[in-house]
Amino acid sequence: MKKRIILITGGQRSGKSQYAERLALSLSGHPVYLATAHIWDDEFRQRVLIHQQRRGEAWTNIEEEKHLSRHNLDGRVVVIDCITLWCTNFFFTQGAKEWEQPSVDEALCALKDEFDRFTNQDATFIFVSNEIGSGGVSDSVVQRRFTDLQGWMNQYVAGCADEVVLMVSGIPVKIK
């Protein structure tokens, strides 16, 4: 298998994850779902369980908040859901006493390095992300900094991708 990177991006509830899952199943009978979410509360834990039940037993589920490259996925089809939550895990790091924020540049550098290590495998990578910068400018400096980080990471992944799909109201629009 030759390495292939696909980015699926769009707004909230645009159908990104379900499209990524259908695509993965069309390429493999036993794809991998690599979840990057940190489970913050019970409501989010319920969302995760619903997603896992929807996917069924054909999937290998891996939960990895930061270090995707720990996993050898040579020859596999992998859905990474999602870049936004993965960026969050680098943007907010748990320090000795409380959650801390590294600089956007530090977080972006760490994300790019980890992305490069992870995608240095012969696998099909289907990354899911959000276009959070498509809305208005936030009043919050933290939200503006995160929007910058996530937007720049989306640009990096899109630049490396063989294919980019924008989801609009459940309809895939090929961008690249």
N, C-alpha and C. Protein backbone atom coordinates (compact mmCIF):
# COMPACT_ATOMS: atom_id res chain seq x y z
N MET A 1 0.84 -1.18 0.00
CA MET A 1 0.00 0.00 0.00
C MET A 1 0.88 1.24 0.00
N LYS A 2 0.53 2.17 -0.85
CA LYS A 2 1.23 3.44 -0.91
C LYS A 2 0.54 4.44 0.03
N LYS A 3 1.33 5.31 0.65
CA LYS A 3 0.77 6.31 1.55
C LYS A 3 -0.19 7.22 0.79
N ARG A 4 -1.31 7.52 1.44
CA ARG A 4 -2.31 8.42 0.88
C ARG A 4 -2.91 9.23 2.03
N ILE A 5 -3.01 10.54 1.85
CA ILE A 5 -3.58 11.41 2.88
C ILE A 5 -4.80 12.11 2.29
N ILE A 6 -5.91 12.00 3.00
CA ILE A 6 -7.17 12.63 2.61
C ILE A 6 -7.61 13.51 3.77
N LEU A 7 -7.98 14.75 3.48
CA LEU A 7 -8.52 15.66 4.49
C LEU A 7 -9.98 15.92 4.18
N ILE A 8 -10.82 15.71 5.19
CA ILE A 8 -12.25 16.01 5.08
C ILE A 8 -12.54 17.10 6.09
N THR A 9 -12.99 18.24 5.59
CA THR A 9 -13.20 19.39 6.46
C THR A 9 -14.58 19.98 6.22
N GLY A 10 -15.02 20.82 7.14
CA GLY A 10 -16.32 21.47 7.00
C GLY A 10 -16.79 21.97 8.35
N GLY A 11 -18.00 22.48 8.38
CA GLY A 11 -18.58 23.01 9.60
C GLY A 11 -19.13 21.91 10.50
N GLN A 12 -19.58 22.32 11.68
CA GLN A 12 -20.19 21.38 12.61
C GLN A 12 -21.43 20.75 11.97
N ARG A 13 -21.60 19.47 12.20
CA ARG A 13 -22.75 18.70 11.71
C ARG A 13 -22.92 18.78 10.20
N SER A 14 -21.79 18.87 9.49
CA SER A 14 -21.86 18.91 8.03
C SER A 14 -21.77 17.52 7.41
N GLY A 15 -21.57 16.49 8.23
CA GLY A 15 -21.49 15.12 7.72
C GLY A 15 -20.08 14.60 7.52
N LYS A 16 -19.09 15.30 8.10
CA LYS A 16 -17.68 14.94 7.90
C LYS A 16 -17.36 13.52 8.37
N SER A 17 -17.71 13.23 9.61
CA SER A 17 -17.33 11.93 10.19
C SER A 17 -18.01 10.77 9.47
N GLN A 18 -19.30 10.91 9.20
CA GLN A 18 -19.99 9.82 8.51
C GLN A 18 -19.45 9.62 7.10
N TYR A 19 -19.11 10.71 6.42
CA TYR A 19 -18.51 10.58 5.09
C TYR A 19 -17.16 9.87 5.19
N ALA A 20 -16.34 10.26 6.17
CA ALA A 20 -15.03 9.63 6.37
C ALA A 20 -15.19 8.14 6.65
N GLU A 21 -16.16 7.79 7.47
CA GLU A 21 -16.39 6.38 7.80
C GLU A 21 -16.83 5.59 6.57
N ARG A 22 -17.74 6.15 5.78
CA ARG A 22 -18.18 5.46 4.55
C ARG A 22 -17.01 5.27 3.59
N LEU A 23 -16.19 6.32 3.45
CA LEU A 23 -15.02 6.23 2.58
C LEU A 23 -14.08 5.14 3.07
N ALA A 24 -13.80 5.12 4.36
CA ALA A 24 -12.89 4.10 4.91
C ALA A 24 -13.42 2.70 4.67
N LEU A 25 -14.72 2.50 4.88
CA LEU A 25 -15.31 1.17 4.66
C LEU A 25 -15.31 0.78 3.18
N SER A 26 -15.31 1.76 2.29
CA SER A 26 -15.23 1.44 0.86
C SER A 26 -13.82 1.01 0.47
N LEU A 27 -12.84 1.36 1.30
CA LEU A 27 -11.43 1.04 1.03
C LEU A 27 -10.93 -0.17 1.80
N SER A 28 -11.64 -0.54 2.88
CA SER A 28 -11.19 -1.63 3.73
C SER A 28 -12.37 -2.24 4.49
N GLY A 29 -12.34 -3.55 4.64
CA GLY A 29 -13.37 -4.22 5.43
C GLY A 29 -13.14 -4.08 6.92
N HIS A 30 -11.92 -3.69 7.30
CA HIS A 30 -11.57 -3.55 8.73
C HIS A 30 -10.72 -2.30 8.95
N PRO A 31 -11.34 -1.12 8.81
CA PRO A 31 -10.57 0.11 9.00
C PRO A 31 -10.31 0.39 10.48
N VAL A 32 -9.46 1.38 10.70
CA VAL A 32 -9.11 1.82 12.05
C VAL A 32 -9.73 3.19 12.29
N TYR A 33 -10.29 3.36 13.47
CA TYR A 33 -10.81 4.66 13.88
C TYR A 33 -9.92 5.16 15.00
N LEU A 34 -9.18 6.22 14.74
CA LEU A 34 -8.27 6.78 15.72
C LEU A 34 -8.90 8.06 16.27
N ALA A 35 -9.39 7.98 17.50
CA ALA A 35 -10.09 9.09 18.14
C ALA A 35 -9.10 9.92 18.93
N THR A 36 -9.10 11.23 18.70
CA THR A 36 -8.15 12.11 19.37
C THR A 36 -8.77 12.86 20.54
N ALA A 37 -10.03 12.62 20.81
CA ALA A 37 -10.76 13.40 21.82
C ALA A 37 -10.29 13.09 23.24
N HIS A 38 -10.19 14.13 24.02
CA HIS A 38 -10.06 14.00 25.47
C HIS A 38 -11.48 14.04 26.00
N ILE A 39 -11.87 13.05 26.76
CA ILE A 39 -13.24 13.00 27.27
C ILE A 39 -13.33 13.88 28.51
N TRP A 40 -13.99 15.04 28.33
CA TRP A 40 -14.05 16.07 29.36
C TRP A 40 -15.16 15.83 30.38
N ASP A 41 -16.28 15.25 29.95
CA ASP A 41 -17.42 15.13 30.86
C ASP A 41 -18.33 13.97 30.41
N ASP A 42 -19.39 13.73 31.17
CA ASP A 42 -20.29 12.62 30.88
C ASP A 42 -21.04 12.78 29.56
N GLU A 43 -21.43 14.01 29.24
CA GLU A 43 -22.14 14.24 27.98
C GLU A 43 -21.26 13.85 26.79
N PHE A 44 -19.99 14.22 26.86
CA PHE A 44 -19.08 13.88 25.77
C PHE A 44 -18.82 12.38 25.74
N ARG A 45 -18.73 11.76 26.90
CA ARG A 45 -18.53 10.31 26.98
C ARG A 45 -19.70 9.58 26.28
N GLN A 46 -20.91 10.10 26.45
CA GLN A 46 -22.08 9.51 25.78
C GLN A 46 -21.98 9.66 24.27
N ARG A 47 -21.50 10.80 23.80
CA ARG A 47 -21.31 11.00 22.36
C ARG A 47 -20.34 9.96 21.80
N VAL A 48 -19.26 9.73 22.53
CA VAL A 48 -18.25 8.76 22.10
C VAL A 48 -18.88 7.36 21.99
N LEU A 49 -19.65 6.97 22.99
CA LEU A 49 -20.29 5.65 22.98
C LEU A 49 -21.25 5.50 21.81
N ILE A 50 -22.01 6.55 21.50
CA ILE A 50 -22.93 6.51 20.37
C ILE A 50 -22.17 6.34 19.06
N HIS A 51 -21.06 7.06 18.91
CA HIS A 51 -20.23 6.93 17.70
C HIS A 51 -19.68 5.51 17.58
N GLN A 52 -19.20 4.95 18.69
CA GLN A 52 -18.64 3.60 18.64
C GLN A 52 -19.70 2.58 18.26
N GLN A 53 -20.89 2.71 18.82
CA GLN A 53 -21.98 1.79 18.50
C GLN A 53 -22.38 1.91 17.03
N ARG A 54 -22.41 3.14 16.51
CA ARG A 54 -22.77 3.36 15.12
C ARG A 54 -21.79 2.67 14.18
N ARG A 55 -20.51 2.71 14.52
CA ARG A 55 -19.49 2.13 13.64
C ARG A 55 -19.56 0.61 13.61
N GLY A 56 -19.80 -0.03 14.73
CA GLY A 56 -19.90 -1.48 14.74
C GLY A 56 -18.56 -2.18 14.90
N GLU A 57 -18.60 -3.49 14.75
CA GLU A 57 -17.46 -4.35 15.07
C GLU A 57 -16.42 -4.45 13.97
N ALA A 58 -16.70 -3.93 12.79
CA ALA A 58 -15.71 -3.99 11.70
C ALA A 58 -14.50 -3.12 11.99
N TRP A 59 -14.67 -2.16 12.89
CA TRP A 59 -13.65 -1.15 13.16
C TRP A 59 -12.73 -1.56 14.30
N THR A 60 -11.46 -1.20 14.16
CA THR A 60 -10.52 -1.22 15.27
C THR A 60 -10.50 0.18 15.83
N ASN A 61 -10.86 0.34 17.10
CA ASN A 61 -10.91 1.65 17.74
C ASN A 61 -9.66 1.88 18.57
N ILE A 62 -9.03 3.03 18.34
CA ILE A 62 -7.86 3.45 19.12
C ILE A 62 -8.13 4.84 19.65
N GLU A 63 -7.88 5.05 20.92
CA GLU A 63 -7.98 6.38 21.50
C GLU A 63 -6.58 6.88 21.79
N GLU A 64 -6.25 8.02 21.19
CA GLU A 64 -4.92 8.60 21.35
C GLU A 64 -5.04 10.11 21.27
N GLU A 65 -4.80 10.78 22.38
CA GLU A 65 -5.02 12.22 22.46
C GLU A 65 -3.92 13.04 21.77
N LYS A 66 -2.70 12.55 21.76
CA LYS A 66 -1.59 13.37 21.23
C LYS A 66 -0.66 12.61 20.30
N HIS A 67 -0.12 11.53 20.73
CA HIS A 67 1.01 10.88 20.06
C HIS A 67 0.54 9.79 19.09
N LEU A 68 -0.01 10.23 17.99
CA LEU A 68 -0.54 9.31 16.98
C LEU A 68 0.53 8.37 16.45
N SER A 69 1.76 8.86 16.39
CA SER A 69 2.85 8.08 15.81
C SER A 69 3.24 6.87 16.66
N ARG A 70 2.69 6.74 17.84
CA ARG A 70 2.94 5.53 18.66
C ARG A 70 2.37 4.28 18.00
N HIS A 71 1.45 4.48 17.09
CA HIS A 71 0.70 3.35 16.53
C HIS A 71 1.20 3.01 15.13
N ASN A 72 1.59 1.76 14.94
CA ASN A 72 2.02 1.26 13.65
C ASN A 72 0.78 0.85 12.88
N LEU A 73 0.47 1.60 11.83
CA LEU A 73 -0.74 1.34 11.06
C LEU A 73 -0.42 1.07 9.60
N ASP A 74 0.80 0.58 9.33
CA ASP A 74 1.19 0.23 7.97
C ASP A 74 0.13 -0.69 7.34
N GLY A 75 -0.23 -0.35 6.11
CA GLY A 75 -1.17 -1.19 5.37
C GLY A 75 -2.62 -1.02 5.76
N ARG A 76 -2.91 -0.11 6.66
CA ARG A 76 -4.29 0.05 7.15
C ARG A 76 -4.92 1.31 6.58
N VAL A 77 -6.23 1.36 6.65
CA VAL A 77 -7.02 2.55 6.33
C VAL A 77 -7.45 3.12 7.68
N VAL A 78 -7.11 4.39 7.93
CA VAL A 78 -7.29 4.98 9.25
C VAL A 78 -8.07 6.29 9.14
N VAL A 79 -9.15 6.39 9.91
CA VAL A 79 -9.87 7.65 10.07
C VAL A 79 -9.35 8.30 11.34
N ILE A 80 -8.85 9.52 11.24
CA ILE A 80 -8.37 10.27 12.40
C ILE A 80 -9.40 11.37 12.66
N ASP A 81 -10.12 11.24 13.76
CA ASP A 81 -11.22 12.15 14.06
C ASP A 81 -11.01 12.72 15.44
N CYS A 82 -10.60 13.94 15.58
CA CYS A 82 -10.43 14.89 14.49
C CYS A 82 -9.24 15.80 14.78
N ILE A 83 -8.82 16.54 13.76
CA ILE A 83 -7.70 17.48 13.90
C ILE A 83 -8.01 18.55 14.94
N THR A 84 -9.25 19.02 14.98
CA THR A 84 -9.61 20.09 15.91
C THR A 84 -9.38 19.67 17.35
N LEU A 85 -9.85 18.49 17.71
CA LEU A 85 -9.66 18.01 19.08
C LEU A 85 -8.19 17.69 19.34
N TRP A 86 -7.50 17.19 18.33
CA TRP A 86 -6.07 16.91 18.46
C TRP A 86 -5.32 18.21 18.72
N CYS A 87 -5.66 19.28 17.99
CA CYS A 87 -5.04 20.59 18.24
C CYS A 87 -5.33 21.07 19.66
N THR A 88 -6.54 20.84 20.12
CA THR A 88 -6.91 21.23 21.49
C THR A 88 -5.97 20.58 22.50
N ASN A 89 -5.62 19.32 22.26
CA ASN A 89 -4.77 18.59 23.20
C ASN A 89 -3.34 19.14 23.24
N PHE A 90 -2.92 19.79 22.18
CA PHE A 90 -1.61 20.44 22.16
C PHE A 90 -1.69 21.89 22.64
N PHE A 91 -2.85 22.51 22.44
CA PHE A 91 -3.05 23.91 22.82
C PHE A 91 -3.20 24.06 24.33
N PHE A 92 -3.94 23.14 24.93
CA PHE A 92 -4.10 23.11 26.38
C PHE A 92 -3.35 21.89 26.90
N THR A 93 -2.32 22.11 27.67
CA THR A 93 -1.59 20.98 28.24
C THR A 93 -1.73 21.02 29.76
N GLN A 94 -1.84 19.85 30.33
CA GLN A 94 -2.00 19.78 31.77
C GLN A 94 -0.65 19.95 32.44
N GLY A 95 -0.49 21.05 33.14
CA GLY A 95 0.74 21.34 33.85
C GLY A 95 0.68 20.82 35.27
N ALA A 96 1.63 21.22 36.07
CA ALA A 96 1.73 20.74 37.44
C ALA A 96 0.50 21.09 38.27
N LYS A 97 -0.08 22.27 38.05
CA LYS A 97 -1.20 22.70 38.87
C LYS A 97 -2.50 22.85 38.12
N GLU A 98 -2.45 23.24 36.86
CA GLU A 98 -3.67 23.49 36.11
C GLU A 98 -3.38 23.43 34.62
N TRP A 99 -4.42 23.62 33.82
CA TRP A 99 -4.26 23.62 32.38
C TRP A 99 -3.50 24.86 31.95
N GLU A 100 -2.49 24.66 31.12
CA GLU A 100 -1.65 25.75 30.65
C GLU A 100 -1.74 25.85 29.14
N GLN A 101 -1.39 26.99 28.61
CA GLN A 101 -1.38 27.20 27.17
C GLN A 101 0.03 27.49 26.70
N PRO A 102 0.57 26.62 25.85
CA PRO A 102 1.86 26.97 25.22
C PRO A 102 1.60 28.04 24.17
N SER A 103 2.64 28.57 23.60
CA SER A 103 2.43 29.53 22.52
C SER A 103 1.85 28.80 21.31
N VAL A 104 1.16 29.56 20.47
CA VAL A 104 0.60 28.98 19.25
C VAL A 104 1.72 28.39 18.40
N ASP A 105 2.86 29.09 18.31
CA ASP A 105 3.98 28.59 17.52
C ASP A 105 4.51 27.27 18.05
N GLU A 106 4.63 27.15 19.38
CA GLU A 106 5.11 25.90 19.98
C GLU A 106 4.14 24.76 19.70
N ALA A 107 2.86 25.02 19.88
CA ALA A 107 1.86 23.99 19.65
C ALA A 107 1.84 23.58 18.18
N LEU A 108 1.89 24.54 17.26
CA LEU A 108 1.87 24.24 15.84
C LEU A 108 3.10 23.44 15.43
N CYS A 109 4.26 23.79 15.94
CA CYS A 109 5.48 23.05 15.64
C CYS A 109 5.37 21.60 16.12
N ALA A 110 4.86 21.41 17.33
CA ALA A 110 4.70 20.06 17.88
C ALA A 110 3.69 19.26 17.06
N LEU A 111 2.60 19.88 16.65
CA LEU A 111 1.60 19.21 15.83
C LEU A 111 2.17 18.79 14.48
N LYS A 112 2.87 19.69 13.82
CA LYS A 112 3.45 19.37 12.51
C LYS A 112 4.46 18.23 12.63
N ASP A 113 5.30 18.28 13.65
CA ASP A 113 6.28 17.21 13.85
C ASP A 113 5.58 15.86 14.07
N GLU A 114 4.57 15.86 14.89
CA GLU A 114 3.84 14.61 15.17
C GLU A 114 3.11 14.14 13.93
N PHE A 115 2.50 15.04 13.18
CA PHE A 115 1.83 14.69 11.93
C PHE A 115 2.82 14.03 10.97
N ASP A 116 3.99 14.63 10.81
CA ASP A 116 4.99 14.09 9.89
C ASP A 116 5.46 12.70 10.33
N ARG A 117 5.69 12.52 11.64
CA ARG A 117 6.09 11.19 12.14
C ARG A 117 4.98 10.16 11.89
N PHE A 118 3.76 10.55 12.19
CA PHE A 118 2.62 9.64 12.06
C PHE A 118 2.39 9.24 10.60
N THR A 119 2.43 10.20 9.71
CA THR A 119 2.13 9.89 8.31
C THR A 119 3.34 9.36 7.54
N ASN A 120 4.41 9.06 8.24
CA ASN A 120 5.58 8.43 7.63
C ASN A 120 5.40 6.91 7.64
N GLN A 121 4.21 6.48 7.29
CA GLN A 121 3.85 5.06 7.21
C GLN A 121 3.11 4.87 5.89
N ASP A 122 3.16 3.66 5.37
CA ASP A 122 2.39 3.35 4.16
C ASP A 122 1.00 2.93 4.58
N ALA A 123 0.13 3.92 4.69
CA ALA A 123 -1.26 3.70 5.10
C ALA A 123 -2.11 4.73 4.38
N THR A 124 -3.42 4.55 4.43
CA THR A 124 -4.36 5.56 3.95
C THR A 124 -4.87 6.29 5.18
N PHE A 125 -4.58 7.58 5.26
CA PHE A 125 -4.96 8.42 6.38
C PHE A 125 -6.11 9.31 5.96
N ILE A 126 -7.24 9.22 6.64
CA ILE A 126 -8.39 10.06 6.37
C ILE A 126 -8.58 10.95 7.60
N PHE A 127 -8.13 12.19 7.47
CA PHE A 127 -8.22 13.15 8.58
C PHE A 127 -9.53 13.93 8.48
N VAL A 128 -10.19 14.08 9.62
CA VAL A 128 -11.41 14.88 9.72
C VAL A 128 -11.05 16.15 10.48
N SER A 129 -11.56 17.29 10.01
CA SER A 129 -11.30 18.55 10.70
C SER A 129 -12.49 19.48 10.58
N ASN A 130 -12.43 20.58 11.31
CA ASN A 130 -13.48 21.59 11.30
C ASN A 130 -12.94 22.89 10.72
N GLU A 131 -13.81 23.63 10.08
CA GLU A 131 -13.49 24.96 9.58
C GLU A 131 -14.00 25.98 10.59
N ILE A 132 -13.34 26.05 11.74
CA ILE A 132 -13.83 26.94 12.79
C ILE A 132 -13.58 28.41 12.47
N GLY A 133 -12.69 28.69 11.55
CA GLY A 133 -12.40 30.06 11.18
C GLY A 133 -13.40 30.65 10.19
N SER A 134 -14.40 29.88 9.80
CA SER A 134 -15.38 30.38 8.84
C SER A 134 -16.43 31.28 9.49
N GLY A 135 -16.48 31.26 10.81
CA GLY A 135 -17.45 32.10 11.50
C GLY A 135 -16.86 33.47 11.78
N GLY A 136 -17.51 34.20 12.66
CA GLY A 136 -17.03 35.53 13.02
C GLY A 136 -15.80 35.47 13.90
N VAL A 137 -15.20 36.63 14.12
CA VAL A 137 -14.03 36.72 14.98
C VAL A 137 -14.50 36.77 16.43
N SER A 138 -13.93 35.92 17.26
CA SER A 138 -14.32 35.81 18.66
C SER A 138 -13.84 37.01 19.48
N ASP A 139 -14.58 37.32 20.52
CA ASP A 139 -14.17 38.34 21.49
C ASP A 139 -13.06 37.83 22.41
N SER A 140 -12.92 36.52 22.47
CA SER A 140 -11.97 35.89 23.39
C SER A 140 -10.60 35.73 22.73
N VAL A 141 -9.55 36.22 23.40
CA VAL A 141 -8.20 36.08 22.87
C VAL A 141 -7.80 34.61 22.79
N VAL A 142 -8.24 33.80 23.74
CA VAL A 142 -7.91 32.37 23.73
C VAL A 142 -8.55 31.71 22.51
N GLN A 143 -9.80 32.02 22.25
CA GLN A 143 -10.47 31.44 21.08
C GLN A 143 -9.83 31.91 19.78
N ARG A 144 -9.43 33.16 19.70
CA ARG A 144 -8.76 33.65 18.49
C ARG A 144 -7.42 32.93 18.28
N ARG A 145 -6.67 32.73 19.36
CA ARG A 145 -5.38 32.03 19.26
C ARG A 145 -5.60 30.59 18.80
N PHE A 146 -6.63 29.94 19.36
CA PHE A 146 -6.90 28.55 18.96
C PHE A 146 -7.35 28.48 17.51
N THR A 147 -8.18 29.42 17.09
CA THR A 147 -8.63 29.45 15.69
C THR A 147 -7.43 29.59 14.75
N ASP A 148 -6.47 30.43 15.12
CA ASP A 148 -5.24 30.56 14.34
C ASP A 148 -4.52 29.22 14.25
N LEU A 149 -4.30 28.59 15.40
CA LEU A 149 -3.59 27.31 15.44
C LEU A 149 -4.27 26.28 14.57
N GLN A 150 -5.56 26.13 14.76
CA GLN A 150 -6.28 25.09 14.04
C GLN A 150 -6.33 25.39 12.54
N GLY A 151 -6.51 26.65 12.18
CA GLY A 151 -6.51 27.01 10.76
C GLY A 151 -5.17 26.75 10.10
N TRP A 152 -4.08 27.09 10.79
CA TRP A 152 -2.75 26.84 10.22
C TRP A 152 -2.47 25.35 10.12
N MET A 153 -2.96 24.55 11.09
CA MET A 153 -2.76 23.10 11.01
C MET A 153 -3.58 22.53 9.86
N ASN A 154 -4.81 23.01 9.67
CA ASN A 154 -5.60 22.56 8.53
C ASN A 154 -4.86 22.85 7.22
N GLN A 155 -4.26 24.05 7.12
CA GLN A 155 -3.52 24.40 5.91
C GLN A 155 -2.33 23.46 5.70
N TYR A 156 -1.65 23.11 6.78
CA TYR A 156 -0.50 22.21 6.68
C TYR A 156 -0.94 20.83 6.18
N VAL A 157 -2.00 20.30 6.80
CA VAL A 157 -2.48 18.98 6.40
C VAL A 157 -2.98 19.02 4.96
N ALA A 158 -3.73 20.06 4.59
CA ALA A 158 -4.23 20.18 3.22
C ALA A 158 -3.08 20.24 2.22
N GLY A 159 -2.00 20.93 2.59
CA GLY A 159 -0.83 21.00 1.72
C GLY A 159 -0.17 19.65 1.51
N CYS A 160 -0.23 18.80 2.51
CA CYS A 160 0.36 17.46 2.43
C CYS A 160 -0.59 16.44 1.80
N ALA A 161 -1.88 16.78 1.75
CA ALA A 161 -2.91 15.82 1.35
C ALA A 161 -2.91 15.57 -0.15
N ASP A 162 -3.28 14.35 -0.49
CA ASP A 162 -3.49 13.97 -1.88
C ASP A 162 -4.88 14.40 -2.34
N GLU A 163 -5.79 14.50 -1.38
CA GLU A 163 -7.18 14.84 -1.67
C GLU A 163 -7.75 15.64 -0.51
N VAL A 164 -8.55 16.68 -0.82
CA VAL A 164 -9.23 17.47 0.20
C VAL A 164 -10.70 17.56 -0.19
N VAL A 165 -11.58 17.27 0.78
CA VAL A 165 -13.02 17.31 0.56
C VAL A 165 -13.63 18.26 1.58
N LEU A 166 -14.46 19.19 1.09
CA LEU A 166 -15.22 20.10 1.95
C LEU A 166 -16.64 19.58 2.02
N MET A 167 -17.13 19.34 3.23
CA MET A 167 -18.50 18.89 3.42
C MET A 167 -19.40 20.10 3.62
N VAL A 168 -20.47 20.17 2.83
CA VAL A 168 -21.44 21.25 2.93
C VAL A 168 -22.82 20.61 3.00
N SER A 169 -23.48 20.72 4.15
CA SER A 169 -24.84 20.18 4.32
C SER A 169 -24.93 18.72 3.89
N GLY A 170 -23.92 17.92 4.27
CA GLY A 170 -23.91 16.51 3.96
C GLY A 170 -23.45 16.16 2.55
N ILE A 171 -23.05 17.15 1.79
CA ILE A 171 -22.62 16.92 0.40
C ILE A 171 -21.11 17.13 0.31
N PRO A 172 -20.38 16.10 -0.17
CA PRO A 172 -18.93 16.26 -0.33
C PRO A 172 -18.60 17.07 -1.58
N VAL A 173 -17.76 18.10 -1.40
CA VAL A 173 -17.30 18.92 -2.52
C VAL A 173 -15.78 18.76 -2.59
N LYS A 174 -15.31 18.18 -3.69
CA LYS A 174 -13.88 17.95 -3.84
C LYS A 174 -13.16 19.28 -4.08
N ILE A 175 -12.17 19.57 -3.23
CA ILE A 175 -11.40 20.80 -3.31
C ILE A 175 -10.06 20.54 -3.99
N LYS A 176 -9.46 19.42 -3.67
CA LYS A 176 -8.15 19.07 -4.21
C LYS A 176 -8.14 17.59 -4.54
